[in-house]
PDB file of N, CA and C in Angstrom:
ATOM      1  N   MET A   1      93.379  87.857 109.942  1.00  0.00           N
ATOM      2  CA  MET A   1      94.068  88.642 108.936  1.00  0.00           C
ATOM      3  C   MET A   1      93.088  88.923 107.796  1.00  0.00           C
ATOM      4  N   LYS A   2      93.142  90.096 107.303  1.00  0.00           N
ATOM      5  CA  LYS A   2      92.277  90.457 106.190  1.00  0.00           C
ATOM      6  C   LYS A   2      92.893  89.942 104.896  1.00  0.00           C
ATOM      7  N   LYS A   3      92.083  89.217 104.146  1.00  0.00           N
ATOM      8  CA  LYS A   3      92.573  88.613 102.905  1.00  0.00           C
ATOM      9  C   LYS A   3      93.021  89.667 101.907  1.00  0.00           C
ATOM     10  N   ARG A   4      92.319  90.758 101.834  1.00  0.00           N
ATOM     11  CA  ARG A   4      92.664  91.801 100.869  1.00  0.00           C
ATOM     12  C   ARG A   4      94.036  92.411 101.173  1.00  0.00           C
ATOM     13  N   ALA A   5      94.316  92.626 102.447  1.00  0.00           N
ATOM     14  CA  ALA A   5      95.616  93.185 102.833  1.00  0.00           C
ATOM     15  C   ALA A   5      96.734  92.204 102.498  1.00  0.00           C
ATOM     16  N   PHE A   6      96.503  90.917 102.771  1.00  0.00           N
ATOM     17  CA  PHE A   6      97.530  89.927 102.456  1.00  0.00           C
ATOM     18  C   PHE A   6      97.732  89.816 100.948  1.00  0.00           C
ATOM     19  N   LEU A   7      96.641  89.848 100.196  1.00  0.00           N
ATOM     20  CA  LEU A   7      96.745  89.782  98.740  1.00  0.00           C
ATOM     21  C   LEU A   7      97.537  90.973  98.205  1.00  0.00           C
ATOM     22  N   LYS A   8      97.293  92.145  98.751  1.00  0.00           N
ATOM     23  CA  LYS A   8      98.025  93.342  98.323  1.00  0.00           C
ATOM     24  C   LYS A   8      99.527  93.169  98.588  1.00  0.00           C
ATOM     25  N   THR A   9      99.865  92.643  99.751  1.00  0.00           N
ATOM     26  CA  THR A   9     101.267  92.403 100.087  1.00  0.00           C
ATOM     27  C   THR A   9     101.862  91.333  99.179  1.00  0.00           C
ATOM     28  N   ALA A  10     101.114  90.277  98.908  1.00  0.00           N
ATOM     29  CA  ALA A  10     101.604  89.198  98.043  1.00  0.00           C
ATOM     30  C   ALA A  10     101.886  89.719  96.635  1.00  0.00           C
ATOM     31  N   VAL A  11     101.008  90.552  96.129  1.00  0.00           N
ATOM     32  CA  VAL A  11     101.210  91.131  94.797  1.00  0.00           C
ATOM     33  C   VAL A  11     102.449  92.024  94.798  1.00  0.00           C
ATOM     34  N   LYS A  12     102.609  92.822  95.855  1.00  0.00           N
ATOM     35  CA  LYS A  12     103.789  93.687  95.962  1.00  0.00           C
ATOM     36  C   LYS A  12     105.063  92.839  96.020  1.00  0.00           C
ATOM     37  N   ALA A  13     105.042  91.783  96.837  1.00  0.00           N
ATOM     38  CA  ALA A  13     106.214  90.928  97.009  1.00  0.00           C
ATOM     39  C   ALA A  13     106.600  90.232  95.708  1.00  0.00           C
ATOM     40  N   THR A  14     105.629  89.701  94.997  1.00  0.00           N
ATOM     41  CA  THR A  14     105.946  89.010  93.747  1.00  0.00           C
ATOM     42  C   THR A  14     106.398  89.996  92.679  1.00  0.00           C
ATOM     43  N   GLY A  15     105.884  91.194  92.717  1.00  0.00           N
ATOM     44  CA  GLY A  15     106.335  92.222  91.777  1.00  0.00           C
ATOM     45  C   GLY A  15     107.797  92.591  92.006  1.00  0.00           C
ATOM     46  N   LEU A  16     108.162  92.765  93.276  1.00  0.00           N
ATOM     47  CA  LEU A  16     109.553  93.086  93.610  1.00  0.00           C
ATOM     48  C   LEU A  16     110.486  91.942  93.223  1.00  0.00           C
ATOM     49  N   ALA A  17     110.079  90.718  93.539  1.00  0.00           N
ATOM     50  CA  ALA A  17     110.893  89.552  93.190  1.00  0.00           C
ATOM     51  C   ALA A  17     111.000  89.391  91.677  1.00  0.00           C
ATOM     52  N   GLY A  18     109.893  89.617  90.983  1.00  0.00           N
ATOM     53  CA  GLY A  18     109.905  89.526  89.521  1.00  0.00           C
ATOM     54  C   GLY A  18     110.826  90.550  88.896  1.00  0.00           C
ATOM     55  N   ASP A  19     110.821  91.758  89.429  1.00  0.00           N
ATOM     56  CA  ASP A  19     111.733  92.797  88.940  1.00  0.00           C
ATOM     57  C   ASP A  19     113.189  92.367  89.134  1.00  0.00           C
ATOM     58  N   TYR A  20     113.474  91.787  90.298  1.00  0.00           N
ATOM     59  CA  TYR A  20     114.831  91.316  90.570  1.00  0.00           C
ATOM     60  C   TYR A  20     115.222  90.209  89.586  1.00  0.00           C
ATOM     61  N   LEU A  21     114.309  89.278  89.350  1.00  0.00           N
ATOM     62  CA  LEU A  21     114.588  88.193  88.403  1.00  0.00           C
ATOM     63  C   LEU A  21     114.860  88.740  87.004  1.00  0.00           C
ATOM     64  N   LEU A  22     114.035  89.673  86.564  1.00  0.00           N
ATOM     65  CA  LEU A  22     114.233  90.260  85.234  1.00  0.00           C
ATOM     66  C   LEU A  22     115.544  91.035  85.143  1.00  0.00           C
ATOM     67  N   ASP A  23     115.893  91.752  86.219  1.00  0.00           N
ATOM     68  CA  ASP A  23     117.152  92.502  86.226  1.00  0.00           C
ATOM     69  C   ASP A  23     118.360  91.575  86.118  1.00  0.00           C
ATOM     70  N   ASN A  24     118.206  90.339  86.572  1.00  0.00           N
ATOM     71  CA  ASN A  24     119.322  89.389  86.572  1.00  0.00           C
ATOM     72  C   ASN A  24     119.236  88.353  85.460  1.00  0.00           C
ATOM     73  N   LEU A  25     118.282  88.496  84.590  1.00  0.00           N
ATOM     74  CA  LEU A  25     118.126  87.572  83.478  1.00  0.00           C
ATOM     75  C   LEU A  25     119.385  87.567  82.612  1.00  0.00           C
ATOM     76  N   GLY A  26     119.944  86.404  82.420  1.00  0.00           N
ATOM     77  CA  GLY A  26     121.145  86.267  81.612  1.00  0.00           C
ATOM     78  C   GLY A  26     122.440  86.591  82.335  1.00  0.00           C
ATOM     79  N   LYS A  27     122.371  86.879  83.629  1.00  0.00           N
ATOM     80  CA  LYS A  27     123.556  87.253  84.394  1.00  0.00           C
ATOM     81  C   LYS A  27     124.019  86.152  85.341  1.00  0.00           C
ATOM     82  N   VAL A  28     123.483  84.957  85.206  1.00  0.00           N
ATOM     83  CA  VAL A  28     123.837  83.850  86.096  1.00  0.00           C
ATOM     84  C   VAL A  28     124.975  83.052  85.462  1.00  0.00           C
ATOM     85  N   SER A  29     125.993  82.802  86.277  1.00  0.00           N
ATOM     86  CA  SER A  29     127.109  81.986  85.795  1.00  0.00           C
ATOM     87  C   SER A  29     127.110  80.646  86.538  1.00  0.00           C
ATOM     88  N   LYS A  30     127.978  79.751  86.139  1.00  0.00           N
ATOM     89  CA  LYS A  30     128.050  78.432  86.766  1.00  0.00           C
ATOM     90  C   LYS A  30     128.316  78.524  88.270  1.00  0.00           C
ATOM     91  N   LYS A  31     129.075  79.514  88.680  1.00  0.00           N
ATOM     92  CA  LYS A  31     129.386  79.648  90.111  1.00  0.00           C
ATOM     93  C   LYS A  31     128.161  80.064  90.929  1.00  0.00           C
ATOM     94  N   ASP A  32     127.119  80.553  90.274  1.00  0.00           N
ATOM     95  CA  ASP A  32     125.894  80.976  90.951  1.00  0.00           C
ATOM     96  C   ASP A  32     124.899  79.826  91.140  1.00  0.00           C
ATOM     97  N   ILE A  33     125.221  78.654  90.612  1.00  0.00           N
ATOM     98  CA  ILE A  33     124.289  77.531  90.616  1.00  0.00           C
ATOM     99  C   ILE A  33     124.722  76.500  91.651  1.00  0.00           C
ATOM    100  N   THR A  34     123.763  76.071  92.471  1.00  0.00           N
ATOM    101  CA  THR A  34     124.028  75.008  93.439  1.00  0.00           C
ATOM    102  C   THR A  34     123.002  73.895  93.247  1.00  0.00           C
ATOM    103  N   LEU A  35     123.350  72.733  93.719  1.00  0.00           N
ATOM    104  CA  LEU A  35     122.478  71.566  93.613  1.00  0.00           C
ATOM    105  C   LEU A  35     121.648  71.469  94.885  1.00  0.00           C
ATOM    106  N   LYS A  36     120.321  71.524  94.721  1.00  0.00           N
ATOM    107  CA  LYS A  36     119.413  71.396  95.858  1.00  0.00           C
ATOM    108  C   LYS A  36     119.186  69.913  96.153  1.00  0.00           C
ATOM    109  N   GLN A  37     118.834  69.174  95.120  1.00  0.00           N
ATOM    110  CA  GLN A  37     118.647  67.729  95.163  1.00  0.00           C
ATOM    111  C   GLN A  37     119.085  67.206  93.802  1.00  0.00           C
ATOM    112  N   ALA A  38     119.084  65.911  93.649  1.00  0.00           N
ATOM    113  CA  ALA A  38     119.449  65.333  92.352  1.00  0.00           C
ATOM    114  C   ALA A  38     118.576  65.945  91.263  1.00  0.00           C
ATOM    115  N   SER A  39     119.212  66.512  90.259  1.00  0.00           N
ATOM    116  CA  SER A  39     118.528  67.147  89.114  1.00  0.00           C
ATOM    117  C   SER A  39     117.641  68.322  89.515  1.00  0.00           C
ATOM    118  N   ASP A  40     117.928  68.956  90.634  1.00  0.00           N
ATOM    119  CA  ASP A  40     117.160  70.117  91.094  1.00  0.00           C
ATOM    120  C   ASP A  40     118.155  71.214  91.453  1.00  0.00           C
ATOM    121  N   PHE A  41     118.299  72.172  90.556  1.00  0.00           N
ATOM    122  CA  PHE A  41     119.287  73.227  90.723  1.00  0.00           C
ATOM    123  C   PHE A  41     118.637  74.527  91.175  1.00  0.00           C
ATOM    124  N   VAL A  42     119.399  75.327  91.901  1.00  0.00           N
ATOM    125  CA  VAL A  42     118.930  76.626  92.361  1.00  0.00           C
ATOM    126  C   VAL A  42     120.083  77.619  92.202  1.00  0.00           C
ATOM    127  N   THR A  43     119.742  78.848  91.856  1.00  0.00           N
ATOM    128  CA  THR A  43     120.766  79.881  91.678  1.00  0.00           C
ATOM    129  C   THR A  43     120.668  80.912  92.797  1.00  0.00           C
ATOM    130  N   ARG A  44     121.700  81.736  92.893  1.00  0.00           N
ATOM    131  CA  ARG A  44     121.672  82.822  93.873  1.00  0.00           C
ATOM    132  C   ARG A  44     120.494  83.753  93.590  1.00  0.00           C
ATOM    133  N   VAL A  45     120.120  83.874  92.325  1.00  0.00           N
ATOM    134  CA  VAL A  45     118.999  84.729  91.946  1.00  0.00           C
ATOM    135  C   VAL A  45     117.683  84.126  92.452  1.00  0.00           C
ATOM    136  N   ASP A  46     117.543  82.808  92.351  1.00  0.00           N
ATOM    137  CA  ASP A  46     116.356  82.138  92.899  1.00  0.00           C
ATOM    138  C   ASP A  46     116.250  82.389  94.401  1.00  0.00           C
ATOM    139  N   ARG A  47     117.361  82.195  95.086  1.00  0.00           N
ATOM    140  CA  ARG A  47     117.356  82.359  96.546  1.00  0.00           C
ATOM    141  C   ARG A  47     117.059  83.807  96.944  1.00  0.00           C
ATOM    142  N   LYS A  48     117.629  84.757  96.226  1.00  0.00           N
ATOM    143  CA  LYS A  48     117.386  86.170  96.541  1.00  0.00           C
ATOM    144  C   LYS A  48     115.936  86.550  96.263  1.00  0.00           C
ATOM    145  N   SER A  49     115.354  86.052  95.185  1.00  0.00           N
ATOM    146  CA  SER A  49     113.957  86.384  94.897  1.00  0.00           C
ATOM    147  C   SER A  49     113.034  85.812  95.974  1.00  0.00           C
ATOM    148  N   GLU A  50     113.359  84.615  96.461  1.00  0.00           N
ATOM    149  CA  GLU A  50     112.582  84.035  97.567  1.00  0.00           C
ATOM    150  C   GLU A  50     112.735  84.895  98.826  1.00  0.00           C
ATOM    151  N   GLU A  51     113.950  85.351  99.083  1.00  0.00           N
ATOM    152  CA  GLU A  51     114.205  86.217 100.237  1.00  0.00           C
ATOM    153  C   GLU A  51     113.405  87.523 100.135  1.00  0.00           C
ATOM    154  N   ILE A  52     113.320  88.080  98.943  1.00  0.00           N
ATOM    155  CA  ILE A  52     112.554  89.313  98.733  1.00  0.00           C
ATOM    156  C   ILE A  52     111.084  89.079  99.067  1.00  0.00           C
ATOM    157  N   ILE A  53     110.532  87.981  98.591  1.00  0.00           N
ATOM    158  CA  ILE A  53     109.121  87.676  98.852  1.00  0.00           C
ATOM    159  C   ILE A  53     108.888  87.511 100.353  1.00  0.00           C
ATOM    160  N   LEU A  54     109.716  86.691 101.002  1.00  0.00           N
ATOM    161  CA  LEU A  54     109.517  86.422 102.428  1.00  0.00           C
ATOM    162  C   LEU A  54     109.708  87.672 103.283  1.00  0.00           C
ATOM    163  N   SER A  55     110.718  88.471 102.981  1.00  0.00           N
ATOM    164  CA  SER A  55     110.953  89.672 103.790  1.00  0.00           C
ATOM    165  C   SER A  55     109.849  90.706 103.597  1.00  0.00           C
ATOM    166  N   THR A  56     109.303  90.793 102.402  1.00  0.00           N
ATOM    167  CA  THR A  56     108.200  91.723 102.156  1.00  0.00           C
ATOM    168  C   THR A  56     106.966  91.308 102.947  1.00  0.00           C
ATOM    169  N   ILE A  57     106.667  90.024 102.953  1.00  0.00           N
ATOM    170  CA  ILE A  57     105.510  89.527 103.707  1.00  0.00           C
ATOM    171  C   ILE A  57     105.736  89.713 105.202  1.00  0.00           C
ATOM    172  N   LYS A  58     106.929  89.375 105.684  1.00  0.00           N
ATOM    173  CA  LYS A  58     107.215  89.506 107.119  1.00  0.00           C
ATOM    174  C   LYS A  58     107.187  90.966 107.571  1.00  0.00           C
ATOM    175  N   LYS A  59     107.566  91.880 106.688  1.00  0.00           N
ATOM    176  CA  LYS A  59     107.526  93.299 107.039  1.00  0.00           C
ATOM    177  C   LYS A  59     106.087  93.756 107.289  1.00  0.00           C
ATOM    178  N   ASP A  60     105.178  93.310 106.435  1.00  0.00           N
ATOM    179  CA  ASP A  60     103.776  93.709 106.587  1.00  0.00           C
ATOM    180  C   ASP A  60     103.003  92.830 107.565  1.00  0.00           C
ATOM    181  N   PHE A  61     103.455  91.593 107.750  1.00  0.00           N
ATOM    182  CA  PHE A  61     102.793  90.636 108.629  1.00  0.00           C
ATOM    183  C   PHE A  61     103.843  89.935 109.487  1.00  0.00           C
ATOM    184  N   PRO A  62     104.389  90.602 110.495  1.00  0.00           N
ATOM    185  CA  PRO A  62     105.486  90.045 111.282  1.00  0.00           C
ATOM    186  C   PRO A  62     105.155  88.734 112.000  1.00  0.00           C
ATOM    187  N   ASP A  63     103.904  88.467 112.241  1.00  0.00           N
ATOM    188  CA  ASP A  63     103.504  87.247 112.952  1.00  0.00           C
ATOM    189  C   ASP A  63     103.349  86.041 112.038  1.00  0.00           C
ATOM    190  N   ARG A  64     103.551  86.205 110.742  1.00  0.00           N
ATOM    191  CA  ARG A  64     103.371  85.098 109.783  1.00  0.00           C
ATOM    192  C   ARG A  64     104.627  84.332 109.595  1.00  0.00           C
TER     193      ARG A  64
END
């Protein structure tokens, strides 16, 4: 795999996820929060931003 191509995809993926996070800033309610582990919380926004990153990478690099 070419490092430059992967870096370009990684930058695109984090940009898309960052935009999603910013769009949802201040819009998280208690019902959107789940407990991952003791004292480790995750929101629907966290999970969606991770999904955006992974799907963007898989789209450009299906074998990864």
